[in-house]
Amino acid sequence: MGGIVTASSVGQIYAEHAVWLRNWLHGRTRCAHWAADLTQETFCRLVERRDGGPIRDPRNLLTVIARRLLIGHLRRRDLAQAYL
């Protein structure tokens, strides 16, 4: 998907890939609610992208963003558990 990222292009990416991403995250988290939250956060990060360049492979980009969010959440959870 070439061109600059716009609200309509993010909307199109969401329409085409949100269910896939939520299912991908559900397979890793085993929690539908957590997968839905991470999906939403992934698309928020997509909207906030600073480079604004073209998105050539939406699923790859979504996977990278979602994986980083998941790792961050797991690290914070582990840290909180260690603290307690």
N, C-alpha and C. Protein backbone atom coordinates (compact mmCIF):
# COMPACT_ATOMS: atom_id res chain seq x y z
N MET A 1 0.86 -1.17 0.00
CA MET A 1 0.00 0.00 0.00
C MET A 1 0.90 1.21 0.00
N GLY A 2 1.07 1.88 -1.12
CA GLY A 2 1.97 3.01 -1.24
C GLY A 2 1.31 4.31 -0.83
N GLY A 3 2.10 5.38 -0.80
CA GLY A 3 1.60 6.69 -0.48
C GLY A 3 1.76 7.03 0.99
N ILE A 4 1.41 8.25 1.30
CA ILE A 4 1.51 8.75 2.67
C ILE A 4 0.36 8.16 3.49
N VAL A 5 0.65 7.93 4.77
CA VAL A 5 -0.37 7.39 5.67
C VAL A 5 -1.38 8.47 5.98
N THR A 6 -2.64 8.21 5.67
CA THR A 6 -3.73 9.14 5.96
C THR A 6 -4.77 8.41 6.80
N ALA A 7 -5.73 9.16 7.29
CA ALA A 7 -6.80 8.55 8.07
C ALA A 7 -7.53 7.49 7.24
N SER A 8 -7.75 7.79 5.98
CA SER A 8 -8.46 6.81 5.15
C SER A 8 -7.62 5.57 4.89
N SER A 9 -6.29 5.74 4.74
CA SER A 9 -5.46 4.55 4.52
C SER A 9 -5.38 3.71 5.78
N VAL A 10 -5.32 4.34 6.96
CA VAL A 10 -5.34 3.59 8.21
C VAL A 10 -6.69 2.88 8.35
N GLY A 11 -7.75 3.55 7.98
CA GLY A 11 -9.07 2.93 8.01
C GLY A 11 -9.14 1.72 7.10
N GLN A 12 -8.54 1.82 5.94
CA GLN A 12 -8.53 0.71 5.00
C GLN A 12 -7.68 -0.44 5.56
N ILE A 13 -6.53 -0.13 6.13
CA ILE A 13 -5.68 -1.16 6.73
C ILE A 13 -6.43 -1.82 7.88
N TYR A 14 -7.12 -1.02 8.69
CA TYR A 14 -7.89 -1.57 9.80
C TYR A 14 -8.96 -2.54 9.27
N ALA A 15 -9.69 -2.10 8.26
CA ALA A 15 -10.77 -2.94 7.71
C ALA A 15 -10.22 -4.25 7.15
N GLU A 16 -9.05 -4.21 6.56
CA GLU A 16 -8.49 -5.39 5.92
C GLU A 16 -7.72 -6.30 6.87
N HIS A 17 -7.19 -5.76 7.98
CA HIS A 17 -6.25 -6.54 8.77
C HIS A 17 -6.55 -6.63 10.27
N ALA A 18 -7.52 -5.91 10.78
CA ALA A 18 -7.76 -5.89 12.23
C ALA A 18 -8.15 -7.27 12.77
N VAL A 19 -9.03 -7.95 12.08
CA VAL A 19 -9.47 -9.28 12.55
C VAL A 19 -8.28 -10.24 12.53
N TRP A 20 -7.51 -10.21 11.46
CA TRP A 20 -6.32 -11.05 11.37
C TRP A 20 -5.36 -10.76 12.53
N LEU A 21 -5.10 -9.48 12.80
CA LEU A 21 -4.18 -9.10 13.87
C LEU A 21 -4.71 -9.55 15.23
N ARG A 22 -5.99 -9.33 15.47
CA ARG A 22 -6.58 -9.76 16.75
C ARG A 22 -6.45 -11.27 16.93
N ASN A 23 -6.68 -12.03 15.88
CA ASN A 23 -6.53 -13.49 15.94
C ASN A 23 -5.07 -13.88 16.16
N TRP A 24 -4.15 -13.19 15.51
CA TRP A 24 -2.72 -13.45 15.67
C TRP A 24 -2.31 -13.19 17.12
N LEU A 25 -2.78 -12.09 17.67
CA LEU A 25 -2.46 -11.76 19.07
C LEU A 25 -3.14 -12.73 20.03
N HIS A 26 -4.35 -13.13 19.73
CA HIS A 26 -5.06 -14.09 20.59
C HIS A 26 -4.29 -15.40 20.66
N GLY A 27 -3.71 -15.81 19.56
CA GLY A 27 -2.91 -17.03 19.54
C GLY A 27 -1.68 -16.93 20.43
N ARG A 28 -1.18 -15.73 20.64
CA ARG A 28 0.00 -15.55 21.47
C ARG A 28 -0.34 -15.25 22.93
N THR A 29 -1.46 -14.58 23.16
CA THR A 29 -1.81 -14.19 24.53
C THR A 29 -2.78 -15.17 25.18
N ARG A 30 -3.54 -15.89 24.38
CA ARG A 30 -4.58 -16.80 24.87
C ARG A 30 -5.66 -16.05 25.67
N CYS A 31 -5.81 -14.76 25.37
CA CYS A 31 -6.81 -13.94 26.05
C CYS A 31 -7.44 -13.00 25.02
N ALA A 32 -8.73 -13.18 24.78
CA ALA A 32 -9.43 -12.37 23.77
C ALA A 32 -9.42 -10.89 24.12
N HIS A 33 -9.58 -10.57 25.40
CA HIS A 33 -9.62 -9.16 25.81
C HIS A 33 -8.27 -8.49 25.63
N TRP A 34 -7.22 -9.18 26.04
CA TRP A 34 -5.87 -8.64 25.90
C TRP A 34 -5.52 -8.49 24.42
N ALA A 35 -5.90 -9.46 23.60
CA ALA A 35 -5.65 -9.38 22.17
C ALA A 35 -6.38 -8.19 21.56
N ALA A 36 -7.61 -7.95 21.97
CA ALA A 36 -8.37 -6.81 21.46
C ALA A 36 -7.71 -5.49 21.88
N ASP A 37 -7.27 -5.41 23.13
CA ASP A 37 -6.60 -4.20 23.61
C ASP A 37 -5.30 -3.94 22.84
N LEU A 38 -4.52 -4.99 22.64
CA LEU A 38 -3.27 -4.83 21.90
C LEU A 38 -3.52 -4.47 20.44
N THR A 39 -4.58 -5.00 19.86
CA THR A 39 -4.94 -4.64 18.48
C THR A 39 -5.25 -3.15 18.40
N GLN A 40 -6.04 -2.67 19.34
CA GLN A 40 -6.37 -1.24 19.35
C GLN A 40 -5.12 -0.39 19.53
N GLU A 41 -4.26 -0.79 20.46
CA GLU A 41 -3.03 -0.04 20.71
C GLU A 41 -2.10 -0.07 19.49
N THR A 42 -2.08 -1.19 18.78
CA THR A 42 -1.26 -1.29 17.57
C THR A 42 -1.72 -0.27 16.54
N PHE A 43 -3.02 -0.15 16.34
CA PHE A 43 -3.52 0.81 15.36
C PHE A 43 -3.32 2.24 15.83
N CYS A 44 -3.38 2.48 17.12
CA CYS A 44 -3.05 3.82 17.64
C CYS A 44 -1.60 4.17 17.30
N ARG A 45 -0.71 3.21 17.49
CA ARG A 45 0.70 3.44 17.16
C ARG A 45 0.88 3.65 15.66
N LEU A 46 0.10 2.97 14.87
CA LEU A 46 0.18 3.15 13.42
C LEU A 46 -0.20 4.58 13.05
N VAL A 47 -1.24 5.10 13.67
CA VAL A 47 -1.67 6.47 13.41
C VAL A 47 -0.59 7.46 13.84
N GLU A 48 0.11 7.14 14.94
CA GLU A 48 1.12 8.04 15.51
C GLU A 48 2.48 7.93 14.83
N ARG A 49 2.62 7.07 13.83
CA ARG A 49 3.92 6.89 13.16
C ARG A 49 4.50 8.24 12.76
N ARG A 50 5.75 8.42 13.04
CA ARG A 50 6.41 9.69 12.75
C ARG A 50 6.90 9.80 11.31
N ASP A 51 7.33 8.70 10.73
CA ASP A 51 7.90 8.81 9.39
C ASP A 51 6.86 9.08 8.32
N GLY A 52 5.63 8.61 8.54
CA GLY A 52 4.55 8.90 7.60
C GLY A 52 4.78 8.39 6.20
N GLY A 53 5.79 7.55 6.04
CA GLY A 53 6.10 7.02 4.72
C GLY A 53 5.09 5.98 4.28
N PRO A 54 5.29 5.47 3.09
CA PRO A 54 4.37 4.47 2.56
C PRO A 54 4.43 3.17 3.36
N ILE A 55 3.31 2.51 3.41
CA ILE A 55 3.23 1.21 4.06
C ILE A 55 3.15 0.17 2.95
N ARG A 56 4.25 -0.51 2.74
CA ARG A 56 4.31 -1.48 1.64
C ARG A 56 3.74 -2.84 2.03
N ASP A 57 3.95 -3.21 3.29
CA ASP A 57 3.49 -4.52 3.77
C ASP A 57 2.78 -4.32 5.11
N PRO A 58 1.48 -4.02 5.09
CA PRO A 58 0.76 -3.70 6.32
C PRO A 58 0.85 -4.78 7.39
N ARG A 59 0.72 -6.04 7.01
CA ARG A 59 0.75 -7.10 8.03
C ARG A 59 2.11 -7.18 8.70
N ASN A 60 3.16 -7.00 7.94
CA ASN A 60 4.49 -7.03 8.54
C ASN A 60 4.64 -5.88 9.54
N LEU A 61 4.24 -4.69 9.16
CA LEU A 61 4.33 -3.54 10.05
C LEU A 61 3.47 -3.73 11.29
N LEU A 62 2.25 -4.19 11.12
CA LEU A 62 1.36 -4.44 12.25
C LEU A 62 1.95 -5.49 13.19
N THR A 63 2.55 -6.53 12.62
CA THR A 63 3.16 -7.57 13.43
C THR A 63 4.32 -7.03 14.25
N VAL A 64 5.15 -6.20 13.64
CA VAL A 64 6.29 -5.62 14.35
C VAL A 64 5.80 -4.74 15.51
N ILE A 65 4.84 -3.88 15.23
CA ILE A 65 4.30 -2.99 16.28
C ILE A 65 3.67 -3.81 17.39
N ALA A 66 2.82 -4.77 17.02
CA ALA A 66 2.12 -5.59 18.02
C ALA A 66 3.09 -6.41 18.86
N ARG A 67 4.11 -6.98 18.23
CA ARG A 67 5.10 -7.78 18.95
C ARG A 67 5.84 -6.91 19.97
N ARG A 68 6.21 -5.71 19.58
CA ARG A 68 6.90 -4.81 20.50
C ARG A 68 6.00 -4.42 21.67
N LEU A 69 4.72 -4.16 21.39
CA LEU A 69 3.78 -3.84 22.47
C LEU A 69 3.62 -5.02 23.42
N LEU A 70 3.49 -6.21 22.86
CA LEU A 70 3.33 -7.41 23.68
C LEU A 70 4.55 -7.63 24.57
N ILE A 71 5.74 -7.50 24.02
CA ILE A 71 6.96 -7.66 24.80
C ILE A 71 7.01 -6.62 25.92
N GLY A 72 6.67 -5.38 25.61
CA GLY A 72 6.64 -4.33 26.63
C GLY A 72 5.67 -4.63 27.75
N HIS A 73 4.49 -5.11 27.40
CA HIS A 73 3.49 -5.46 28.42
C HIS A 73 3.98 -6.62 29.28
N LEU A 74 4.60 -7.62 28.66
CA LEU A 74 5.10 -8.76 29.42
C LEU A 74 6.23 -8.36 30.36
N ARG A 75 7.10 -7.48 29.90
CA ARG A 75 8.19 -7.00 30.76
C ARG A 75 7.65 -6.24 31.96
N ARG A 76 6.69 -5.36 31.72
CA ARG A 76 6.10 -4.60 32.83
C ARG A 76 5.38 -5.51 33.81
N ARG A 77 4.68 -6.52 33.28
CA ARG A 77 3.99 -7.47 34.15
C ARG A 77 4.98 -8.24 35.01
N ASP A 78 6.05 -8.71 34.38
CA ASP A 78 7.08 -9.46 35.12
C ASP A 78 7.75 -8.59 36.18
N LEU A 79 8.00 -7.34 35.83
CA LEU A 79 8.60 -6.42 36.79
C LEU A 79 7.67 -6.16 37.97
N ALA A 80 6.38 -5.97 37.68
CA ALA A 80 5.41 -5.75 38.74
C ALA A 80 5.29 -6.98 39.65
N GLN A 81 5.31 -8.17 39.06
CA GLN A 81 5.24 -9.39 39.85
C GLN A 81 6.49 -9.57 40.71
N ALA A 82 7.64 -9.22 40.16
CA ALA A 82 8.89 -9.33 40.92
C ALA A 82 8.88 -8.34 42.09
N TYR A 83 8.32 -7.17 41.86
CA TYR A 83 8.25 -6.15 42.90
C TYR A 83 7.34 -6.60 44.04
N LEU A 84 6.23 -7.23 43.69
CA LEU A 84 5.29 -7.68 44.72
C LEU A 84 5.84 -8.88 45.47
